[in-house]
C-alpha atoms as a PDB file:
ATOM      1  CA  UNK A   1       0.000   0.000   0.000  1.00  0.00           C
ATOM      2  CA  UNK A   2       2.750   2.496   0.829  1.00  0.00           C
ATOM      3  CA  UNK A   3       4.323   2.055  -2.614  1.00  0.00           C
ATOM      4  CA  UNK A   4       0.965   2.585  -4.303  1.00  0.00           C
ATOM      5  CA  UNK A   5       0.365   5.689  -2.184  1.00  0.00           C
ATOM      6  CA  UNK A   6       3.844   6.953  -3.036  1.00  0.00           C
ATOM      7  CA  UNK A   7       3.276   6.471  -6.754  1.00  0.00           C
ATOM      8  CA  UNK A   8      -0.086   8.210  -6.529  1.00  0.00           C
ATOM      9  CA  UNK A   9       1.263  11.151  -4.503  1.00  0.00           C
ATOM     10  CA  UNK A  10       4.301  11.551  -6.774  1.00  0.00           C
ATOM     11  CA  UNK A  11       2.112  11.596  -9.879  1.00  0.00           C
ATOM     12  CA  UNK A  12      -0.016  14.530  -8.670  1.00  0.00           C
ATOM     13  CA  UNK A  13       0.657  18.255  -8.960  1.00  0.00           C
ATOM     14  CA  UNK A  14       2.179  19.361  -5.673  1.00  0.00           C
ATOM     15  CA  UNK A  15       1.710  22.751  -4.055  1.00  0.00           C
ATOM     16  CA  UNK A  16       4.261  21.674  -1.455  1.00  0.00           C
ATOM     17  CA  UNK A  17       7.048  19.431  -2.784  1.00  0.00           C
ATOM     18  CA  UNK A  18       6.959  15.922  -1.348  1.00  0.00           C
ATOM     19  CA  UNK A  19      10.162  13.951  -0.850  1.00  0.00           C
ATOM     20  CA  UNK A  20       9.929  10.234  -0.146  1.00  0.00           C
ATOM     21  CA  UNK A  21      12.318   8.391   2.178  1.00  0.00           C
ATOM     22  CA  UNK A  22      11.798   4.660   2.800  1.00  0.00           C
ATOM     23  CA  UNK A  23      10.427   4.112   6.304  1.00  0.00           C
ATOM     24  CA  UNK A  24      12.922   2.573   8.695  1.00  0.00           C
ATOM     25  CA  UNK A  25      15.804   2.899   6.238  1.00  0.00           C
ATOM     26  CA  UNK A  26      19.350   3.962   7.106  1.00  0.00           C
ATOM     27  CA  UNK A  27      18.663   7.191   5.176  1.00  0.00           C
ATOM     28  CA  UNK A  28      15.583   7.887   7.313  1.00  0.00           C
ATOM     29  CA  UNK A  29      17.545   7.139  10.493  1.00  0.00           C
ATOM     30  CA  UNK A  30      20.371   9.434   9.390  1.00  0.00           C
ATOM     31  CA  UNK A  31      18.116  12.321   8.361  1.00  0.00           C
ATOM     32  CA  UNK A  32      15.606  12.032  11.207  1.00  0.00           C
ATOM     33  CA  UNK A  33      17.427  10.573  14.231  1.00  0.00           C
ATOM     34  CA  UNK A  34      14.718  11.675  16.667  1.00  0.00           C
ATOM     35  CA  UNK A  35      11.903   9.709  15.007  1.00  0.00           C
ATOM     36  CA  UNK A  36      10.497   6.475  16.368  1.00  0.00           C
ATOM     37  CA  UNK A  37      11.483   4.491  13.286  1.00  0.00           C
ATOM     38  CA  UNK A  38       9.616   1.372  14.375  1.00  0.00           C
ATOM     39  CA  UNK A  39       6.440   3.471  14.485  1.00  0.00           C
ATOM     40  CA  UNK A  40       7.109   4.754  10.945  1.00  0.00           C
ATOM     41  CA  UNK A  41       6.785   1.159   9.754  1.00  0.00           C
ATOM     42  CA  UNK A  42       3.264   1.000  11.217  1.00  0.00           C
ATOM     43  CA  UNK A  43       1.877   4.452  10.402  1.00  0.00           C
ATOM     44  CA  UNK A  44       2.506   6.966   7.676  1.00  0.00           C
ATOM     45  CA  UNK A  45       4.834   9.656   9.010  1.00  0.00           C
ATOM     46  CA  UNK A  46       5.432  13.096   7.508  1.00  0.00           C
ATOM     47  CA  UNK A  47       8.248  15.409   8.580  1.00  0.00           C
ATOM     48  CA  UNK A  48       7.547  18.983   7.501  1.00  0.00           C
ATOM     49  CA  UNK A  49      10.304  21.360   6.466  1.00  0.00           C
ATOM     50  CA  UNK A  50       9.643  23.116   9.789  1.00  0.00           C
ATOM     51  CA  UNK A  51      10.531  19.919  11.665  1.00  0.00           C
ATOM     52  CA  UNK A  52       6.930  19.242  12.677  1.00  0.00           C
ATOM     53  CA  UNK A  53       6.103  15.525  12.658  1.00  0.00           C
ATOM     54  CA  UNK A  54       2.691  14.203  11.596  1.00  0.00           C
ATOM     55  CA  UNK A  55       1.633  10.584  12.063  1.00  0.00           C
ATOM     56  CA  UNK A  56      -1.425   8.603  11.077  1.00  0.00           C
ATOM     57  CA  UNK A  57      -4.379  10.786  10.150  1.00  0.00           C
ATOM     58  CA  UNK A  58      -2.321  13.976  10.450  1.00  0.00           C
ATOM     59  CA  UNK A  59       0.225  12.589   7.987  1.00  0.00           C
ATOM     60  CA  UNK A  60      -2.466  11.626   5.475  1.00  0.00           C
ATOM     61  CA  UNK A  61      -3.960  15.106   5.814  1.00  0.00           C
ATOM     62  CA  UNK A  62      -0.520  16.659   5.294  1.00  0.00           C
ATOM     63  CA  UNK A  63      -0.021  14.642   2.101  1.00  0.00           C
ATOM     64  CA  UNK A  64      -3.442  15.547   0.722  1.00  0.00           C
ATOM     65  CA  UNK A  65      -2.940  19.185   1.725  1.00  0.00           C
ATOM     66  CA  UNK A  66       0.316  19.266  -0.281  1.00  0.00           C
ATOM     67  CA  UNK A  67      -1.505  18.288  -3.489  1.00  0.00           C
ATOM     68  CA  UNK A  68      -3.038  20.892  -5.776  1.00  0.00           C
ATOM     69  CA  UNK A  69      -6.129  18.783  -6.520  1.00  0.00           C
ATOM     70  CA  UNK A  70      -6.754  17.654  -2.948  1.00  0.00           C
ATOM     71  CA  UNK A  71      -6.023  20.552  -0.604  1.00  0.00           C
ATOM     72  CA  UNK A  72      -9.748  21.230  -0.346  1.00  0.00           C
ATOM     73  CA  UNK A  73     -10.427  17.570   0.449  1.00  0.00           C
ATOM     74  CA  UNK A  74      -7.865  17.668   3.250  1.00  0.00           C
ATOM     75  CA  UNK A  75      -9.418  20.816   4.659  1.00  0.00           C
ATOM     76  CA  UNK A  76     -12.918  19.287   4.558  1.00  0.00           C
ATOM     77  CA  UNK A  77     -11.775  16.036   6.211  1.00  0.00           C
ATOM     78  CA  UNK A  78     -10.074  18.010   8.985  1.00  0.00           C
ATOM     79  CA  UNK A  79     -13.402  19.566  10.024  1.00  0.00           C
ATOM     80  CA  UNK A  80     -14.603  18.322  13.411  1.00  0.00           C
ATOM     81  CA  UNK A  81     -17.722  16.575  12.069  1.00  0.00           C
ATOM     82  CA  UNK A  82     -15.710  14.532   9.520  1.00  0.00           C
ATOM     83  CA  UNK A  83     -12.625  13.871  11.629  1.00  0.00           C
ATOM     84  CA  UNK A  84     -14.030  10.671  13.232  1.00  0.00           C
ATOM     85  CA  UNK A  85     -14.664   9.176   9.779  1.00  0.00           C
ATOM     86  CA  UNK A  86     -11.267  10.263   8.508  1.00  0.00           C
ATOM     87  CA  UNK A  87      -9.562   8.727  11.538  1.00  0.00           C
ATOM     88  CA  UNK A  88     -11.318   5.386  10.960  1.00  0.00           C
ATOM     89  CA  UNK A  89     -10.286   5.365   7.294  1.00  0.00           C
ATOM     90  CA  UNK A  90      -6.684   6.201   8.152  1.00  0.00           C
ATOM     91  CA  UNK A  91      -6.607   3.615  10.950  1.00  0.00           C
ATOM     92  CA  UNK A  92      -7.858   0.954   8.537  1.00  0.00           C
ATOM     93  CA  UNK A  93      -5.256   1.970   5.944  1.00  0.00           C
ATOM     94  CA  UNK A  94      -2.493   1.824   8.557  1.00  0.00           C
ATOM     95  CA  UNK A  95      -3.654  -1.615   9.716  1.00  0.00           C
ATOM     96  CA  UNK A  96      -3.564  -2.901   6.151  1.00  0.00           C
ATOM     97  CA  UNK A  97      -0.084  -1.424   5.707  1.00  0.00           C
ATOM     98  CA  UNK A  98       1.169  -3.285   8.807  1.00  0.00           C
ATOM     99  CA  UNK A  99      -0.349  -6.612   7.705  1.00  0.00           C
ATOM    100  CA  UNK A 100       0.985  -6.541   4.136  1.00  0.00           C
ATOM    101  CA  UNK A 101       4.454  -5.210   4.968  1.00  0.00           C
ATOM    102  CA  UNK A 102       7.067  -7.610   3.640  1.00  0.00           C
ATOM    103  CA  UNK A 103       9.381  -9.340   6.147  1.00  0.00           C
ATOM    104  CA  UNK A 104      12.585  -7.348   6.549  1.00  0.00           C
ATOM    105  CA  UNK A 105      11.069  -4.044   5.417  1.00  0.00           C
ATOM    106  CA  UNK A 106      12.941  -1.307   7.228  1.00  0.00           C
ATOM    107  CA  UNK A 107      15.917  -3.484   8.128  1.00  0.00           C
ATOM    108  CA  UNK A 108      19.370  -1.916   8.000  1.00  0.00           C
ATOM    109  CA  UNK A 109      19.988  -3.194   4.457  1.00  0.00           C
ATOM    110  CA  UNK A 110      17.456  -0.624   3.157  1.00  0.00           C
ATOM    111  CA  UNK A 111      16.103  -3.260   0.801  1.00  0.00           C
ATOM    112  CA  UNK A 112      17.975  -3.060  -2.476  1.00  0.00           C
ATOM    113  CA  UNK A 113      14.985  -1.774  -4.410  1.00  0.00           C
ATOM    114  CA  UNK A 114      14.727   1.263  -2.110  1.00  0.00           C
ATOM    115  CA  UNK A 115      18.394   2.202  -1.779  1.00  0.00           C
ATOM    116  CA  UNK A 116      18.279   5.023  -4.342  1.00  0.00           C
ATOM    117  CA  UNK A 117      14.999   6.603  -3.118  1.00  0.00           C
ATOM    118  CA  UNK A 118      13.144   5.005  -6.029  1.00  0.00           C
ATOM    119  CA  UNK A 119      11.282   2.570  -3.804  1.00  0.00           C
ATOM    120  CA  UNK A 120       8.247   1.253  -5.591  1.00  0.00           C
ATOM    121  CA  UNK A 121       9.401   2.241  -9.070  1.00  0.00           C
ATOM    122  CA  UNK A 122      10.818  -1.176  -9.983  1.00  0.00           C
ATOM    123  CA  UNK A 123      10.956  -1.475 -13.751  1.00  0.00           C
ATOM    124  CA  UNK A 124       9.885   2.126 -14.248  1.00  0.00           C
ATOM    125  CA  UNK A 125      12.066   5.150 -14.960  1.00  0.00           C
ATOM    126  CA  UNK A 126      10.368   7.122 -12.197  1.00  0.00           C
ATOM    127  CA  UNK A 127       7.392   9.441 -12.266  1.00  0.00           C
ATOM    128  CA  UNK A 128       6.465  11.167 -15.429  1.00  0.00           C
END
């Protein structure tokens, strides 16, 4: 699921540039030493250029908010009357992510297919 989400996010017009770092990787540990890297393997985590950290529903909102076509959707979902629904959807997505994660994902070897920050683009020349 995270690779599909990455491909989808990368293919959309971005109002705020998104940079993807494989969760739990040596690169993530080097760049963000203060993160709970085990938690990043369970829930989507976004680190803003300000240093703010968003997890779970906040991270999904941050990703949607960064996209030109979906900023309004993010703002609507963040409204108090829709937040309970949004949280349930994000919790379900995170649970699926944990269940389908391949053994060894996030180990120190960075998984060969993710070593060059092209995780999920196997056989493809990248977005475009």
